[in-house]
Protein backbone atom coordinates (compact mmCIF):
# COMPACT_ATOMS: atom_id res chain seq x y z
CA MET A 1 10.82 -17.06 -11.61
CA SER A 2 8.81 -16.20 -8.56
CA GLU A 3 10.45 -16.42 -5.15
CA THR A 4 8.60 -17.86 -2.12
CA GLN A 5 9.88 -16.25 1.07
CA MET A 6 10.08 -18.40 4.16
CA PRO A 7 7.95 -16.70 6.85
CA THR A 8 9.52 -15.69 10.15
CA ALA A 9 7.99 -16.28 13.53
CA ARG A 10 6.59 -12.70 13.30
CA THR A 11 5.04 -13.06 9.81
CA ARG A 12 3.83 -16.66 9.82
CA LEU A 13 -0.01 -16.75 9.69
CA VAL A 14 -1.54 -18.79 12.45
CA ARG A 15 -5.26 -18.09 12.11
CA GLU A 16 -6.64 -19.12 8.70
CA ALA A 17 -3.13 -20.14 7.62
CA ASP A 18 -4.59 -21.47 4.34
CA ARG A 19 -4.99 -17.86 3.21
CA ALA A 20 -1.34 -17.10 3.76
CA VAL A 21 0.82 -16.01 0.71
CA TYR A 22 4.59 -15.85 1.05
CA ASP A 23 5.31 -15.47 -2.71
CA ARG A 24 7.26 -12.30 -3.38
CA GLU A 25 5.76 -11.56 -6.85
CA ALA A 26 2.20 -11.96 -5.43
CA VAL A 27 3.11 -9.51 -2.71
CA TYR A 28 4.49 -7.05 -5.29
CA ARG A 29 1.25 -7.26 -7.22
CA ILE A 30 -0.74 -6.23 -4.21
CA LEU A 31 1.66 -3.42 -3.34
CA ASP A 32 1.67 -2.20 -6.89
CA GLU A 33 -2.15 -2.02 -7.13
CA GLY A 34 -2.55 -0.16 -3.84
CA PHE A 35 -1.35 3.36 -3.17
CA LEU A 36 -2.20 4.00 0.47
CA CYS A 37 -0.43 2.16 3.30
CA HIS A 38 -0.72 2.41 7.11
CA ALA A 39 2.63 2.87 8.88
CA GLY A 40 2.72 1.64 12.48
CA PHE A 41 5.41 2.81 14.93
CA VAL A 42 5.82 3.51 18.63
CA VAL A 43 6.77 6.76 20.37
CA ASP A 44 7.53 6.60 24.08
CA GLY A 45 5.45 3.46 24.45
CA GLN A 46 2.46 4.86 22.56
CA PRO A 47 1.59 3.09 19.31
CA PHE A 48 0.63 5.21 16.30
CA VAL A 49 -0.73 4.16 12.90
CA ILE A 50 -0.58 6.78 10.17
CA PRO A 51 -1.97 6.49 6.61
CA THR A 52 0.37 7.65 3.89
CA SER A 53 1.21 7.14 0.24
CA TYR A 54 4.07 4.91 -0.85
CA GLY A 55 6.03 3.68 -3.81
CA ARG A 56 8.02 0.56 -4.58
CA ARG A 57 11.17 -0.15 -6.50
CA ASP A 58 12.38 -3.71 -6.50
CA ALA A 59 12.65 -4.83 -2.79
CA SER A 60 12.42 -1.36 -1.33
CA LEU A 61 9.27 0.49 -0.21
CA TYR A 62 9.50 4.33 0.05
CA ILE A 63 7.38 6.61 2.13
CA HIS A 64 7.70 10.38 2.46
CA GLY A 65 6.31 13.33 4.36
CA SER A 66 7.19 16.61 6.05
CA ALA A 67 10.56 16.51 7.77
CA ALA A 68 8.85 18.04 10.77
CA SER A 69 6.19 15.32 11.13
CA ARG A 70 6.25 13.14 14.25
CA MET A 71 6.10 9.98 12.16
CA LEU A 72 9.08 10.91 9.98
CA ARG A 73 11.13 12.20 12.92
CA GLN A 74 10.53 9.01 14.90
CA MET A 75 11.30 6.76 11.99
CA GLN A 76 14.68 8.41 11.48
CA MET A 77 15.85 7.43 14.95
CA PRO A 78 18.29 5.93 15.63
CA MET A 79 19.86 7.24 12.42
CA ASN A 80 22.47 4.52 12.16
CA ASP A 81 20.13 1.60 12.48
CA GLY A 82 16.65 2.76 11.54
CA ALA A 83 13.38 2.64 13.42
CA PRO A 84 11.16 -0.49 13.69
CA VAL A 85 7.95 -0.13 11.63
CA CYS A 86 5.04 -2.18 10.46
CA ILE A 87 3.69 -1.32 7.00
CA THR A 88 0.29 -2.63 5.95
CA VAL A 89 -1.53 -2.41 2.59
CA THR A 90 -5.07 -3.75 2.06
CA LEU A 91 -7.16 -4.09 -1.10
CA LEU A 92 -10.91 -4.74 -0.54
CA ASP A 93 -12.40 -6.82 -3.29
CA GLY A 94 -15.91 -7.71 -2.06
CA LEU A 95 -18.37 -8.09 0.69
CA VAL A 96 -19.16 -11.79 1.44
CA LEU A 97 -22.71 -12.20 2.73
CA ALA A 98 -23.31 -15.58 4.24
CA ARG A 99 -26.61 -16.97 5.57
CA SER A 100 -25.24 -16.67 9.11
CA VAL A 101 -24.10 -13.28 10.39
CA PHE A 102 -21.24 -15.08 12.13
CA ASN A 103 -19.91 -16.29 8.74
CA HIS A 104 -20.11 -12.88 6.93
CA SER A 105 -16.67 -11.99 5.61
CA MET A 106 -14.84 -9.91 2.96
CA ASN A 107 -12.73 -10.81 -0.01
CA TYR A 108 -9.41 -8.99 0.30
CA ARG A 109 -5.74 -8.97 -0.45
CA SER A 110 -3.42 -7.68 2.29
CA VAL A 111 0.30 -7.32 2.93
CA VAL A 112 2.21 -6.80 6.13
CA ILE A 113 5.89 -5.73 6.07
CA LEU A 114 8.05 -5.64 9.18
CA GLY A 115 11.40 -3.84 9.04
CA LYS A 116 13.44 -0.82 9.90
CA ALA A 117 12.86 2.50 8.16
CA THR A 118 16.01 4.39 7.31
CA LEU A 119 16.43 7.97 6.05
CA VAL A 120 17.32 8.48 2.37
CA ASP A 121 19.93 11.24 2.66
CA ASP A 122 21.60 11.00 -0.76
CA ARG A 123 20.09 13.72 -2.95
CA GLU A 124 19.93 11.67 -6.15
CA GLU A 125 18.36 8.69 -4.45
CA LYS A 126 15.88 11.02 -2.68
CA LEU A 127 14.84 12.57 -6.01
CA ALA A 128 14.52 9.07 -7.54
CA ALA A 129 12.45 7.93 -4.56
CA LEU A 130 10.12 10.91 -4.93
CA ARG A 131 9.74 10.10 -8.59
CA ILE A 132 8.92 6.48 -7.70
CA LEU A 133 6.27 7.74 -5.26
CA SER A 134 4.70 10.00 -7.89
CA GLU A 135 4.76 7.44 -10.71
CA HIS A 136 3.33 4.79 -8.34
CA ILE A 137 0.24 6.90 -7.82
CA LEU A 138 -0.04 8.38 -11.33
CA PRO A 139 2.36 7.11 -14.03
CA GLY A 140 3.38 9.86 -16.34
CA ARG A 141 2.72 12.80 -14.00
CA TRP A 142 6.26 13.36 -12.76
CA ASP A 143 7.59 14.43 -16.18
CA ASP A 144 4.46 16.56 -16.76
CA SER A 145 4.92 18.59 -13.50
CA ARG A 146 7.36 21.08 -12.02
CA GLN A 147 10.18 19.21 -10.29
CA PRO A 148 10.90 19.77 -6.54
CA ASN A 149 13.11 22.73 -5.78
CA GLU A 150 15.85 22.81 -3.09
CA ARG A 151 13.54 24.26 -0.43
CA GLU A 152 10.97 21.58 -1.02
CA LEU A 153 13.59 18.84 -1.00
CA LYS A 154 14.95 20.05 2.35
CA ALA A 155 11.44 20.08 3.85
CA THR A 156 10.68 16.57 2.71
CA SER A 157 11.98 13.38 4.31
CA VAL A 158 12.04 10.10 2.43
CA LEU A 159 12.37 6.78 4.25
CA ARG A 160 13.25 3.35 2.81
CA VAL A 161 11.82 0.14 4.20
CA PRO A 162 13.27 -3.13 2.89
CA ILE A 163 10.62 -5.65 1.74
CA GLU A 164 12.36 -8.66 3.37
CA GLU A 165 10.22 -9.76 6.24
CA PHE A 166 6.65 -9.94 4.96
CA SER A 167 3.53 -11.93 4.51
CA ALA A 168 0.28 -11.57 2.57
CA LYS A 169 -3.21 -12.81 3.31
CA VAL A 170 -5.85 -13.34 0.64
CA ARG A 171 -9.52 -14.37 0.71
CA VAL A 172 -11.46 -15.09 -2.45
CA GLY A 173 -14.65 -16.88 -3.31
CA PRO A 174 -18.15 -17.39 -2.00
CA PRO A 175 -19.45 -17.40 1.57
CA ILE A 176 -18.77 -20.50 3.64
CA ASP A 177 -21.71 -21.37 5.81
CA ASP A 178 -22.23 -24.07 8.44
CA GLU A 179 -23.87 -27.00 6.72
CA GLU A 180 -27.17 -26.62 8.59
CA ASP A 181 -27.37 -22.93 7.54
CA TYR A 182 -27.62 -23.67 3.87
CA ALA A 183 -31.31 -24.35 4.44
CA PHE A 184 -31.87 -20.81 5.86
CA PRO A 185 -34.11 -18.82 3.50
CA THR A 186 -32.11 -15.73 2.70
CA TRP A 187 -29.88 -14.38 -0.12
CA ALA A 188 -26.23 -15.16 0.14
CA GLY A 189 -23.36 -14.28 -2.19
CA VAL A 190 -20.64 -11.68 -2.86
CA VAL A 191 -20.94 -7.97 -3.53
CA PRO A 192 -17.88 -7.16 -5.66
CA LEU A 193 -16.11 -3.92 -4.92
CA GLU A 194 -13.54 -2.00 -6.97
CA MET A 195 -12.03 1.39 -7.19
CA VAL A 196 -13.25 3.29 -10.23
CA ALA A 197 -11.94 6.67 -11.28
CA GLY A 198 -14.48 9.39 -12.16
CA LYS A 199 -14.25 11.94 -14.94
CA PRO A 200 -11.41 14.39 -14.35
CA ILE A 201 -12.44 17.90 -13.27
CA ASP A 202 -10.57 20.94 -14.68
CA ASP A 203 -9.01 23.29 -12.19
CA ALA A 204 -10.64 26.72 -12.15
CA ARG A 205 -7.30 28.43 -12.96
CA LEU A 206 -6.24 26.14 -15.77
CA LEU A 207 -4.31 27.88 -18.49
CA PRO A 208 -5.92 28.07 -21.90
CA GLY A 209 -5.20 25.16 -24.20
CA GLN A 210 -4.44 22.70 -21.43
CA SER A 211 -6.40 19.46 -21.87
CA VAL A 212 -6.77 16.43 -19.61
CA ARG A 213 -3.80 14.12 -20.05
CA GLU A 214 -4.38 10.54 -21.06
CA TYR A 215 -2.96 9.19 -17.78
CA ALA A 216 -5.66 11.10 -15.86
CA ARG A 217 -8.49 10.43 -18.35
CA ASP A 218 -7.89 6.69 -18.37
CA TYR A 219 -6.76 6.30 -14.76
CA THR A 220 -6.68 2.82 -13.26
CA ARG A 221 -4.99 0.97 -10.45
CA LYS A 222 -4.62 -2.25 -12.49
CA ARG A 223 -1.00 -2.62 -13.48
CA GLN A 224 1.86 -4.98 -13.91
CA SER A 225 4.51 -5.40 -11.27
CA LYS A 226 7.97 -4.23 -12.18
């Protein structure tokens, strides 16, 4: 049974509130289809927004990167409480062309998560989180690749962000013009957009006998939430 989360003062949509979604399963579906998020944080009063990959398991979102990166170092402080972050994920589904330029829009699905990022320091959870990240991007690839060694694990930081304070915003459908503009003589409608994988390209140093795996040949972002 799907759970509807009550929005907080920080996540309640005010503008175009009819597009708000607070249903947890709907949020998971958006997160599971995307694979690039933008992580916002502040260092010495300066805001930064960094694109990065992510993975989800239940109500936890994981991000990772070099242990030396400014983003990861900042998000690890203070170590006992975590660092405030804003995580956003957006899926663009179409360009909405109205008769009036003012009413042009986009069809989209977006999620905003507010919370505190904490360092994953347990080795087994860290490995599990890295597997979640890998499988989120390309299911099946983790078991088909060399696993991280100790040097690589030490050089990588993994952060966990709870999916507890969140909201989604969704726009679907045709353009909405002012009534008087429906008589304006121009084309109006929606240009659908979707991510489509191309044909895999062999690496130049591929060993003999290695063929493209099914998960790469039939790659898609359409999947079921777990």
